[in-house]
Amino acid sequence: MLKKGFKMKIYPDKQKEYEKRHGQLWPEMRQMLKEHGAISYSIFIDPETDYLFGYLEIEDENKWTGTAETEINQKWWNYMKDIMETNLDNSPVTIDLKQVFEL
């Protein structure tokens, strides 16, 4: 199992909408994440800065990178682009974090 930590940022005043959309995550999206090796996936928000912290446990890095090419993920990125910082392909601007401690 591999662990990944990363940060993203939502636009000001979009916290409730971000939570709402994730509370209604499409079943096809959930299934795709599992099929691509997601064991555990959590997202936390810092309400003072609008930064998101993602924590992900995956089976295999190569399997995981395939998520970006799926039709459902492309649809999700398009759906989320109006409430968070994104790249030109609508993928979220994501900054990988380095793990420095584990108990």
PDB file of N, CA and C in Angstrom:
ATOM      1  N   MET A   1       0.836  -1.176   0.000  1.00  0.00           N
ATOM      2  CA  MET A   1       0.000   0.000   0.000  1.00  0.00           C
ATOM      3  C   MET A   1       0.884   1.243   0.000  1.00  0.00           C
ATOM      4  N   LEU A   2       0.504   2.216  -0.812  1.00  0.00           N
ATOM      5  CA  LEU A   2       1.205   3.491  -0.890  1.00  0.00           C
ATOM      6  C   LEU A   2       0.322   4.584  -0.309  1.00  0.00           C
ATOM      7  N   LYS A   3       0.938   5.553   0.358  1.00  0.00           N
ATOM      8  CA  LYS A   3       0.216   6.671   0.953  1.00  0.00           C
ATOM      9  C   LYS A   3       0.596   7.939   0.213  1.00  0.00           C
ATOM     10  N   LYS A   4      -0.418   8.762  -0.054  1.00  0.00           N
ATOM     11  CA  LYS A   4      -0.192  10.023  -0.750  1.00  0.00           C
ATOM     12  C   LYS A   4      -0.883  11.136   0.014  1.00  0.00           C
ATOM     13  N   GLY A   5      -0.210  12.256   0.153  1.00  0.00           N
ATOM     14  CA  GLY A   5      -0.788  13.458   0.735  1.00  0.00           C
ATOM     15  C   GLY A   5      -0.629  14.583  -0.269  1.00  0.00           C
ATOM     16  N   PHE A   6      -1.635  15.424  -0.382  1.00  0.00           N
ATOM     17  CA  PHE A   6      -1.574  16.521  -1.339  1.00  0.00           C
ATOM     18  C   PHE A   6      -2.497  17.644  -0.884  1.00  0.00           C
ATOM     19  N   LYS A   7      -2.274  18.827  -1.461  1.00  0.00           N
ATOM     20  CA  LYS A   7      -3.153  19.937  -1.147  1.00  0.00           C
ATOM     21  C   LYS A   7      -3.723  20.526  -2.433  1.00  0.00           C
ATOM     22  N   MET A   8      -4.908  21.091  -2.298  1.00  0.00           N
ATOM     23  CA  MET A   8      -5.614  21.760  -3.380  1.00  0.00           C
ATOM     24  C   MET A   8      -6.251  23.003  -2.766  1.00  0.00           C
ATOM     25  N   LYS A   9      -6.885  23.819  -3.575  1.00  0.00           N
ATOM     26  CA  LYS A   9      -7.516  25.023  -3.029  1.00  0.00           C
ATOM     27  C   LYS A   9      -8.848  25.274  -3.723  1.00  0.00           C
ATOM     28  N   ILE A  10      -9.857  25.566  -2.894  1.00  0.00           N
ATOM     29  CA  ILE A  10     -11.149  25.944  -3.446  1.00  0.00           C
ATOM     30  C   ILE A  10     -11.262  27.463  -3.431  1.00  0.00           C
ATOM     31  N   TYR A  11     -12.182  27.983  -4.230  1.00  0.00           N
ATOM     32  CA  TYR A  11     -12.394  29.422  -4.279  1.00  0.00           C
ATOM     33  C   TYR A  11     -13.093  29.891  -3.001  1.00  0.00           C
ATOM     34  N   PRO A  12     -12.856  31.153  -2.622  1.00  0.00           N
ATOM     35  CA  PRO A  12     -13.519  31.691  -1.428  1.00  0.00           C
ATOM     36  C   PRO A  12     -15.037  31.527  -1.518  1.00  0.00           C
ATOM     37  N   ASP A  13     -15.643  31.254  -0.391  1.00  0.00           N
ATOM     38  CA  ASP A  13     -17.096  31.083  -0.281  1.00  0.00           C
ATOM     39  C   ASP A  13     -17.639  29.861  -1.018  1.00  0.00           C
ATOM     40  N   LYS A  14     -16.800  28.878  -1.332  1.00  0.00           N
ATOM     41  CA  LYS A  14     -17.257  27.671  -2.031  1.00  0.00           C
ATOM     42  C   LYS A  14     -17.172  26.423  -1.153  1.00  0.00           C
ATOM     43  N   GLN A  15     -16.886  26.602   0.129  1.00  0.00           N
ATOM     44  CA  GLN A  15     -16.735  25.449   1.019  1.00  0.00           C
ATOM     45  C   GLN A  15     -18.004  24.609   1.090  1.00  0.00           C
ATOM     46  N   LYS A  16     -19.136  25.240   1.287  1.00  0.00           N
ATOM     47  CA  LYS A  16     -20.392  24.487   1.410  1.00  0.00           C
ATOM     48  C   LYS A  16     -20.711  23.740   0.120  1.00  0.00           C
ATOM     49  N   GLU A  17     -20.477  24.369  -1.007  1.00  0.00           N
ATOM     50  CA  GLU A  17     -20.742  23.708  -2.292  1.00  0.00           C
ATOM     51  C   GLU A  17     -19.800  22.531  -2.506  1.00  0.00           C
ATOM     52  N   TYR A  18     -18.537  22.700  -2.121  1.00  0.00           N
ATOM     53  CA  TYR A  18     -17.569  21.609  -2.238  1.00  0.00           C
ATOM     54  C   TYR A  18     -18.021  20.417  -1.386  1.00  0.00           C
ATOM     55  N   GLU A  19     -18.401  20.686  -0.159  1.00  0.00           N
ATOM     56  CA  GLU A  19     -18.878  19.618   0.729  1.00  0.00           C
ATOM     57  C   GLU A  19     -20.139  18.967   0.179  1.00  0.00           C
ATOM     58  N   LYS A  20     -21.055  19.768  -0.334  1.00  0.00           N
ATOM     59  CA  LYS A  20     -22.300  19.246  -0.896  1.00  0.00           C
ATOM     60  C   LYS A  20     -22.021  18.287  -2.048  1.00  0.00           C
ATOM     61  N   ARG A  21     -21.169  18.704  -2.970  1.00  0.00           N
ATOM     62  CA  ARG A  21     -20.872  17.866  -4.142  1.00  0.00           C
ATOM     63  C   ARG A  21     -20.202  16.562  -3.735  1.00  0.00           C
ATOM     64  N   HIS A  22     -19.321  16.619  -2.756  1.00  0.00           N
ATOM     65  CA  HIS A  22     -18.673  15.384  -2.319  1.00  0.00           C
ATOM     66  C   HIS A  22     -19.615  14.512  -1.494  1.00  0.00           C
ATOM     67  N   GLY A  23     -20.561  15.120  -0.823  1.00  0.00           N
ATOM     68  CA  GLY A  23     -21.570  14.362  -0.106  1.00  0.00           C
ATOM     69  C   GLY A  23     -22.495  13.608  -1.039  1.00  0.00           C
ATOM     70  N   GLN A  24     -22.541  14.051  -2.292  1.00  0.00           N
ATOM     71  CA  GLN A  24     -23.371  13.417  -3.312  1.00  0.00           C
ATOM     72  C   GLN A  24     -22.503  12.803  -4.416  1.00  0.00           C
ATOM     73  N   LEU A  25     -21.315  12.348  -4.042  1.00  0.00           N
ATOM     74  CA  LEU A  25     -20.385  11.783  -5.025  1.00  0.00           C
ATOM     75  C   LEU A  25     -21.075  10.692  -5.840  1.00  0.00           C
ATOM     76  N   TRP A  26     -20.935  10.797  -7.130  1.00  0.00           N
ATOM     77  CA  TRP A  26     -21.597   9.862  -8.042  1.00  0.00           C
ATOM     78  C   TRP A  26     -21.127   8.434  -7.792  1.00  0.00           C
ATOM     79  N   PRO A  27     -22.042   7.464  -7.799  1.00  0.00           N
ATOM     80  CA  PRO A  27     -21.658   6.058  -7.599  1.00  0.00           C
ATOM     81  C   PRO A  27     -20.615   5.585  -8.612  1.00  0.00           C
ATOM     82  N   GLU A  28     -20.706   6.068  -9.852  1.00  0.00           N
ATOM     83  CA  GLU A  28     -19.728   5.666 -10.882  1.00  0.00           C
ATOM     84  C   GLU A  28     -18.332   6.166 -10.537  1.00  0.00           C
ATOM     85  N   MET A  29     -18.269   7.314  -9.886  1.00  0.00           N
ATOM     86  CA  MET A  29     -16.978   7.868  -9.477  1.00  0.00           C
ATOM     87  C   MET A  29     -16.387   7.023  -8.353  1.00  0.00           C
ATOM     88  N   ARG A  30     -17.213   6.684  -7.386  1.00  0.00           N
ATOM     89  CA  ARG A  30     -16.758   5.809  -6.293  1.00  0.00           C
ATOM     90  C   ARG A  30     -16.219   4.490  -6.843  1.00  0.00           C
ATOM     91  N   GLN A  31     -16.954   3.914  -7.775  1.00  0.00           N
ATOM     92  CA  GLN A  31     -16.567   2.625  -8.359  1.00  0.00           C
ATOM     93  C   GLN A  31     -15.248   2.744  -9.114  1.00  0.00           C
ATOM     94  N   MET A  32     -15.090   3.822  -9.889  1.00  0.00           N
ATOM     95  CA  MET A  32     -13.858   4.022 -10.642  1.00  0.00           C
ATOM     96  C   MET A  32     -12.663   4.143  -9.707  1.00  0.00           C
ATOM     97  N   LEU A  33     -12.812   4.885  -8.609  1.00  0.00           N
ATOM     98  CA  LEU A  33     -11.712   5.042  -7.656  1.00  0.00           C
ATOM     99  C   LEU A  33     -11.293   3.688  -7.088  1.00  0.00           C
ATOM    100  N   LYS A  34     -12.257   2.877  -6.737  1.00  0.00           N
ATOM    101  CA  LYS A  34     -11.958   1.543  -6.199  1.00  0.00           C
ATOM    102  C   LYS A  34     -11.295   0.662  -7.251  1.00  0.00           C
ATOM    103  N   GLU A  35     -11.812   0.715  -8.469  1.00  0.00           N
ATOM    104  CA  GLU A  35     -11.240  -0.091  -9.553  1.00  0.00           C
ATOM    105  C   GLU A  35      -9.799   0.297  -9.869  1.00  0.00           C
ATOM    106  N   HIS A  36      -9.444   1.530  -9.583  1.00  0.00           N
ATOM    107  CA  HIS A  36      -8.080   2.000  -9.845  1.00  0.00           C
ATOM    108  C   HIS A  36      -7.196   1.959  -8.595  1.00  0.00           C
ATOM    109  N   GLY A  37      -7.623   1.195  -7.608  1.00  0.00           N
ATOM    110  CA  GLY A  37      -6.752   0.891  -6.481  1.00  0.00           C
ATOM    111  C   GLY A  37      -6.849   1.789  -5.273  1.00  0.00           C
ATOM    112  N   ALA A  38      -7.877   2.639  -5.185  1.00  0.00           N
ATOM    113  CA  ALA A  38      -8.031   3.462  -3.991  1.00  0.00           C
ATOM    114  C   ALA A  38      -8.527   2.593  -2.842  1.00  0.00           C
ATOM    115  N   ILE A  39      -7.751   2.530  -1.789  1.00  0.00           N
ATOM    116  CA  ILE A  39      -8.119   1.776  -0.592  1.00  0.00           C
ATOM    117  C   ILE A  39      -8.849   2.704   0.376  1.00  0.00           C
ATOM    118  N   SER A  40      -8.323   3.896   0.519  1.00  0.00           N
ATOM    119  CA  SER A  40      -8.883   4.905   1.415  1.00  0.00           C
ATOM    120  C   SER A  40      -8.607   6.271   0.805  1.00  0.00           C
ATOM    121  N   TYR A  41      -9.608   7.155   0.880  1.00  0.00           N
ATOM    122  CA  TYR A  41      -9.443   8.491   0.309  1.00  0.00           C
ATOM    123  C   TYR A  41     -10.203   9.460   1.205  1.00  0.00           C
ATOM    124  N   SER A  42      -9.491  10.427   1.779  1.00  0.00           N
ATOM    125  CA  SER A  42     -10.096  11.433   2.645  1.00  0.00           C
ATOM    126  C   SER A  42      -9.648  12.812   2.201  1.00  0.00           C
ATOM    127  N   ILE A  43     -10.544  13.784   2.341  1.00  0.00           N
ATOM    128  CA  ILE A  43     -10.214  15.174   2.047  1.00  0.00           C
ATOM    129  C   ILE A  43     -10.637  16.014   3.247  1.00  0.00           C
ATOM    130  N   PHE A  44      -9.747  16.870   3.699  1.00  0.00           N
ATOM    131  CA  PHE A  44      -9.985  17.759   4.829  1.00  0.00           C
ATOM    132  C   PHE A  44      -9.893  19.198   4.329  1.00  0.00           C
ATOM    133  N   ILE A  45     -10.570  20.111   5.016  1.00  0.00           N
ATOM    134  CA  ILE A  45     -10.516  21.519   4.625  1.00  0.00           C
ATOM    135  C   ILE A  45     -10.057  22.386   5.788  1.00  0.00           C
ATOM    136  N   ASP A  46      -9.249  23.380   5.469  1.00  0.00           N
ATOM    137  CA  ASP A  46      -8.897  24.427   6.429  1.00  0.00           C
ATOM    138  C   ASP A  46      -9.839  25.584   6.129  1.00  0.00           C
ATOM    139  N   PRO A  47     -10.864  25.792   6.948  1.00  0.00           N
ATOM    140  CA  PRO A  47     -11.866  26.818   6.652  1.00  0.00           C
ATOM    141  C   PRO A  47     -11.330  28.246   6.665  1.00  0.00           C
ATOM    142  N   GLU A  48     -10.182  28.463   7.251  1.00  0.00           N
ATOM    143  CA  GLU A  48      -9.617  29.811   7.287  1.00  0.00           C
ATOM    144  C   GLU A  48      -8.882  30.171   6.000  1.00  0.00           C
ATOM    145  N   THR A  49      -8.356  29.156   5.280  1.00  0.00           N
ATOM    146  CA  THR A  49      -7.557  29.434   4.088  1.00  0.00           C
ATOM    147  C   THR A  49      -8.153  28.891   2.793  1.00  0.00           C
ATOM    148  N   ASP A  50      -9.186  28.052   2.895  1.00  0.00           N
ATOM    149  CA  ASP A  50      -9.798  27.383   1.739  1.00  0.00           C
ATOM    150  C   ASP A  50      -8.879  26.329   1.119  1.00  0.00           C
ATOM    151  N   TYR A  51      -7.832  25.934   1.846  1.00  0.00           N
ATOM    152  CA  TYR A  51      -6.984  24.847   1.356  1.00  0.00           C
ATOM    153  C   TYR A  51      -7.592  23.507   1.735  1.00  0.00           C
ATOM    154  N   LEU A  52      -7.434  22.558   0.828  1.00  0.00           N
ATOM    155  CA  LEU A  52      -7.867  21.188   1.051  1.00  0.00           C
ATOM    156  C   LEU A  52      -6.626  20.328   1.249  1.00  0.00           C
ATOM    157  N   PHE A  53      -6.726  19.359   2.139  1.00  0.00           N
ATOM    158  CA  PHE A  53      -5.666  18.376   2.328  1.00  0.00           C
ATOM    159  C   PHE A  53      -6.256  17.016   1.975  1.00  0.00           C
ATOM    160  N   GLY A  54      -5.658  16.366   0.997  1.00  0.00           N
ATOM    161  CA  GLY A  54      -6.110  15.042   0.598  1.00  0.00           C
ATOM    162  C   GLY A  54      -5.165  13.979   1.117  1.00  0.00           C
ATOM    163  N   TYR A  55      -5.746  12.894   1.595  1.00  0.00           N
ATOM    164  CA  TYR A  55      -4.958  11.742   2.042  1.00  0.00           C
ATOM    165  C   TYR A  55      -5.510  10.526   1.319  1.00  0.00           C
ATOM    166  N   LEU A  56      -4.615   9.801   0.676  1.00  0.00           N
ATOM    167  CA  LEU A  56      -5.009   8.700  -0.186  1.00  0.00           C
ATOM    168  C   LEU A  56      -4.123   7.492   0.068  1.00  0.00           C
ATOM    169  N   GLU A  57      -4.730   6.332   0.173  1.00  0.00           N
ATOM    170  CA  GLU A  57      -4.002   5.069   0.234  1.00  0.00           C
ATOM    171  C   GLU A  57      -4.376   4.294  -1.023  1.00  0.00           C
ATOM    172  N   ILE A  58      -3.354   3.898  -1.775  1.00  0.00           N
ATOM    173  CA  ILE A  58      -3.588   3.202  -3.041  1.00  0.00           C
ATOM    174  C   ILE A  58      -2.805   1.902  -3.102  1.00  0.00           C
ATOM    175  N   GLU A  59      -3.248   1.025  -3.984  1.00  0.00           N
ATOM    176  CA  GLU A  59      -2.573  -0.264  -4.179  1.00  0.00           C
ATOM    177  C   GLU A  59      -1.290  -0.109  -4.988  1.00  0.00           C
ATOM    178  N   ASP A  60      -1.347   0.715  -6.041  1.00  0.00           N
ATOM    179  CA  ASP A  60      -0.250   0.772  -6.996  1.00  0.00           C
ATOM    180  C   ASP A  60      -0.281   2.125  -7.718  1.00  0.00           C
ATOM    181  N   GLU A  61       0.852   2.776  -7.838  1.00  0.00           N
ATOM    182  CA  GLU A  61       0.930   4.097  -8.473  1.00  0.00           C
ATOM    183  C   GLU A  61       0.514   4.052  -9.945  1.00  0.00           C
ATOM    184  N   ASN A  62       0.971   3.046 -10.687  1.00  0.00           N
ATOM    185  CA  ASN A  62       0.635   2.947 -12.108  1.00  0.00           C
ATOM    186  C   ASN A  62      -0.862   2.764 -12.315  1.00  0.00           C
ATOM    187  N   LYS A  63      -1.452   1.926 -11.499  1.00  0.00           N
ATOM    188  CA  LYS A  63      -2.899   1.705 -11.575  1.00  0.00           C
ATOM    189  C   LYS A  63      -3.640   3.009 -11.276  1.00  0.00           C
ATOM    190  N   TRP A  64      -3.171   3.737 -10.277  1.00  0.00           N
ATOM    191  CA  TRP A  64      -3.818   4.970  -9.861  1.00  0.00           C
ATOM    192  C   TRP A  64      -3.763   6.054 -10.929  1.00  0.00           C
ATOM    193  N   THR A  65      -2.631   6.187 -11.612  1.00  0.00           N
ATOM    194  CA  THR A  65      -2.495   7.254 -12.605  1.00  0.00           C
ATOM    195  C   THR A  65      -3.507   7.107 -13.741  1.00  0.00           C
ATOM    196  N   GLY A  66      -4.051   5.926 -13.939  1.00  0.00           N
ATOM    197  CA  GLY A  66      -5.066   5.712 -14.968  1.00  0.00           C
ATOM    198  C   GLY A  66      -6.377   6.423 -14.697  1.00  0.00           C
ATOM    199  N   THR A  67      -6.591   6.885 -13.468  1.00  0.00           N
ATOM    200  CA  THR A  67      -7.846   7.566 -13.151  1.00  0.00           C
ATOM    201  C   THR A  67      -8.036   8.818 -14.005  1.00  0.00           C
ATOM    202  N   ALA A  68      -6.944   9.507 -14.290  1.00  0.00           N
ATOM    203  CA  ALA A  68      -7.018  10.761 -15.030  1.00  0.00           C
ATOM    204  C   ALA A  68      -7.610  10.580 -16.427  1.00  0.00           C
ATOM    205  N   GLU A  69      -7.455   9.414 -16.993  1.00  0.00           N
ATOM    206  CA  GLU A  69      -7.903   9.168 -18.356  1.00  0.00           C
ATOM    207  C   GLU A  69      -9.333   8.646 -18.449  1.00  0.00           C
ATOM    208  N   THR A  70      -9.963   8.365 -17.318  1.00  0.00           N
ATOM    209  CA  THR A  70     -11.314   7.808 -17.374  1.00  0.00           C
ATOM    210  C   THR A  70     -12.332   8.889 -17.717  1.00  0.00           C
ATOM    211  N   GLU A  71     -13.374   8.484 -18.403  1.00  0.00           N
ATOM    212  CA  GLU A  71     -14.435   9.410 -18.792  1.00  0.00           C
ATOM    213  C   GLU A  71     -15.129  10.015 -17.567  1.00  0.00           C
ATOM    214  N   ILE A  72     -15.370   9.198 -16.550  1.00  0.00           N
ATOM    215  CA  ILE A  72     -16.064   9.693 -15.360  1.00  0.00           C
ATOM    216  C   ILE A  72     -15.212  10.722 -14.614  1.00  0.00           C
ATOM    217  N   ASN A  73     -13.888  10.515 -14.568  1.00  0.00           N
ATOM    218  CA  ASN A  73     -13.025  11.488 -13.894  1.00  0.00           C
ATOM    219  C   ASN A  73     -12.989  12.806 -14.669  1.00  0.00           C
ATOM    220  N   GLN A  74     -12.941  12.722 -15.983  1.00  0.00           N
ATOM    221  CA  GLN A  74     -12.970  13.936 -16.811  1.00  0.00           C
ATOM    222  C   GLN A  74     -14.279  14.699 -16.567  1.00  0.00           C
ATOM    223  N   LYS A  75     -15.369  13.973 -16.456  1.00  0.00           N
ATOM    224  CA  LYS A  75     -16.669  14.585 -16.180  1.00  0.00           C
ATOM    225  C   LYS A  75     -16.664  15.252 -14.799  1.00  0.00           C
ATOM    226  N   TRP A  76     -16.062  14.576 -13.808  1.00  0.00           N
ATOM    227  CA  TRP A  76     -15.987  15.134 -12.451  1.00  0.00           C
ATOM    228  C   TRP A  76     -15.160  16.418 -12.425  1.00  0.00           C
ATOM    229  N   TRP A  77     -14.002  16.393 -13.087  1.00  0.00           N
ATOM    230  CA  TRP A  77     -13.166  17.590 -13.138  1.00  0.00           C
ATOM    231  C   TRP A  77     -13.937  18.756 -13.749  1.00  0.00           C
ATOM    232  N   ASN A  78     -14.655  18.497 -14.811  1.00  0.00           N
ATOM    233  CA  ASN A  78     -15.441  19.538 -15.459  1.00  0.00           C
ATOM    234  C   ASN A  78     -16.517  20.082 -14.516  1.00  0.00           C
ATOM    235  N   TYR A  79     -17.111  19.202 -13.738  1.00  0.00           N
ATOM    236  CA  TYR A  79     -18.147  19.558 -12.774  1.00  0.00           C
ATOM    237  C   TYR A  79     -17.588  20.420 -11.640  1.00  0.00           C
ATOM    238  N   MET A  80     -16.342  20.191 -11.254  1.00  0.00           N
ATOM    239  CA  MET A  80     -15.745  20.879 -10.111  1.00  0.00           C
ATOM    240  C   MET A  80     -14.976  22.151 -10.466  1.00  0.00           C
ATOM    241  N   LYS A  81     -14.727  22.398 -11.728  1.00  0.00           N
ATOM    242  CA  LYS A  81     -13.843  23.509 -12.130  1.00  0.00           C
ATOM    243  C   LYS A  81     -14.338  24.886 -11.716  1.00  0.00           C
ATOM    244  N   ASP A  82     -15.636  25.042 -11.476  1.00  0.00           N
ATOM    245  CA  ASP A  82     -16.152  26.367 -11.124  1.00  0.00           C
ATOM    246  C   ASP A  82     -15.978  26.703  -9.646  1.00  0.00           C
ATOM    247  N   ILE A  83     -15.530  25.733  -8.833  1.00  0.00           N
ATOM    248  CA  ILE A  83     -15.402  26.015  -7.401  1.00  0.00           C
ATOM    249  C   ILE A  83     -13.990  25.829  -6.848  1.00  0.00           C
ATOM    250  N   MET A  84     -13.040  25.458  -7.714  1.00  0.00           N
ATOM    251  CA  MET A  84     -11.675  25.266  -7.216  1.00  0.00           C
ATOM    252  C   MET A  84     -10.639  25.607  -8.277  1.00  0.00           C
ATOM    253  N   GLU A  85      -9.417  25.816  -7.822  1.00  0.00           N
ATOM    254  CA  GLU A  85      -8.323  26.113  -8.739  1.00  0.00           C
ATOM    255  C   GLU A  85      -8.043  24.885  -9.606  1.00  0.00           C
ATOM    256  N   THR A  86      -7.979  25.106 -10.934  1.00  0.00           N
ATOM    257  CA  THR A  86      -7.769  24.003 -11.859  1.00  0.00           C
ATOM    258  C   THR A  86      -6.707  24.344 -12.894  1.00  0.00           C
ATOM    259  N   ASN A  87      -6.203  23.299 -13.524  1.00  0.00           N
ATOM    260  CA  ASN A  87      -5.274  23.420 -14.639  1.00  0.00           C
ATOM    261  C   ASN A  87      -6.066  23.593 -15.932  1.00  0.00           C
ATOM    262  N   LEU A  88      -5.374  23.778 -17.054  1.00  0.00           N
ATOM    263  CA  LEU A  88      -6.036  23.974 -18.343  1.00  0.00           C
ATOM    264  C   LEU A  88      -6.917  22.795 -18.752  1.00  0.00           C
ATOM    265  N   ASP A  89      -6.588  21.581 -18.291  1.00  0.00           N
ATOM    266  CA  ASP A  89      -7.400  20.403 -18.623  1.00  0.00           C
ATOM    267  C   ASP A  89      -8.525  20.168 -17.613  1.00  0.00           C
ATOM    268  N   ASN A  90      -8.763  21.147 -16.746  1.00  0.00           N
ATOM    269  CA  ASN A  90      -9.786  21.106 -15.690  1.00  0.00           C
ATOM    270  C   ASN A  90      -9.420  20.232 -14.497  1.00  0.00           C
ATOM    271  N   SER A  91      -8.255  19.603 -14.514  1.00  0.00           N
ATOM    272  CA  SER A  91      -7.816  18.842 -13.348  1.00  0.00           C
ATOM    273  C   SER A  91      -7.515  19.818 -12.220  1.00  0.00           C
ATOM    274  N   PRO A  92      -7.743  19.419 -10.968  1.00  0.00           N
ATOM    275  CA  PRO A  92      -7.440  20.337  -9.870  1.00  0.00           C
ATOM    276  C   PRO A  92      -5.938  20.600  -9.764  1.00  0.00           C
ATOM    277  N   VAL A  93      -5.604  21.834  -9.447  1.00  0.00           N
ATOM    278  CA  VAL A  93      -4.207  22.144  -9.151  1.00  0.00           C
ATOM    279  C   VAL A  93      -3.883  21.395  -7.865  1.00  0.00           C
ATOM    280  N   THR A  94      -2.962  20.475  -7.955  1.00  0.00           N
ATOM    281  CA  THR A  94      -2.633  19.598  -6.833  1.00  0.00           C
ATOM    282  C   THR A  94      -1.144  19.692  -6.540  1.00  0.00           C
ATOM    283  N   ILE A  95      -0.822  19.892  -5.280  1.00  0.00           N
ATOM    284  CA  ILE A  95       0.572  19.942  -4.849  1.00  0.00           C
ATOM    285  C   ILE A  95       0.823  18.757  -3.941  1.00  0.00           C
ATOM    286  N   ASP A  96       1.697  17.861  -4.383  1.00  0.00           N
ATOM    287  CA  ASP A  96       2.030  16.689  -3.569  1.00  0.00           C
ATOM    288  C   ASP A  96       2.793  17.114  -2.323  1.00  0.00           C
ATOM    289  N   LEU A  97       2.506  16.451  -1.217  1.00  0.00           N
ATOM    290  CA  LEU A  97       3.182  16.716   0.043  1.00  0.00           C
ATOM    291  C   LEU A  97       4.103  15.547   0.376  1.00  0.00           C
ATOM    292  N   LYS A  98       5.175  15.835   1.053  1.00  0.00           N
ATOM    293  CA  LYS A  98       6.153  14.825   1.465  1.00  0.00           C
ATOM    294  C   LYS A  98       5.818  14.355   2.866  1.00  0.00           C
ATOM    295  N   GLN A  99       5.702  13.049   3.035  1.00  0.00           N
ATOM    296  CA  GLN A  99       5.472  12.498   4.360  1.00  0.00           C
ATOM    297  C   GLN A  99       6.766  12.592   5.168  1.00  0.00           C
ATOM    298  N   VAL A 100       6.656  13.139   6.373  1.00  0.00           N
ATOM    299  CA  VAL A 100       7.840  13.300   7.217  1.00  0.00           C
ATOM    300  C   VAL A 100       7.735  12.567   8.530  1.00  0.00           C
ATOM    301  N   PHE A 101       6.561  12.007   8.844  1.00  0.00           N
ATOM    302  CA  PHE A 101       6.386  11.297  10.104  1.00  0.00           C
ATOM    303  C   PHE A 101       5.224  10.334  10.009  1.00  0.00           C
ATOM    304  N   GLU A 102       5.357   9.209  10.696  1.00  0.00           N
ATOM    305  CA  GLU A 102       4.269   8.246  10.833  1.00  0.00           C
ATOM    306  C   GLU A 102       4.438   7.494  12.124  1.00  0.00           C
ATOM    307  N   LEU A 103       3.366   7.303  12.844  1.00  0.00           N
ATOM    308  CA  LEU A 103       3.402   6.556  14.099  1.00  0.00           C
ATOM    309  C   LEU A 103       2.765   5.210  13.873  1.00  0.00           C
TER     310      LEU A 103
END
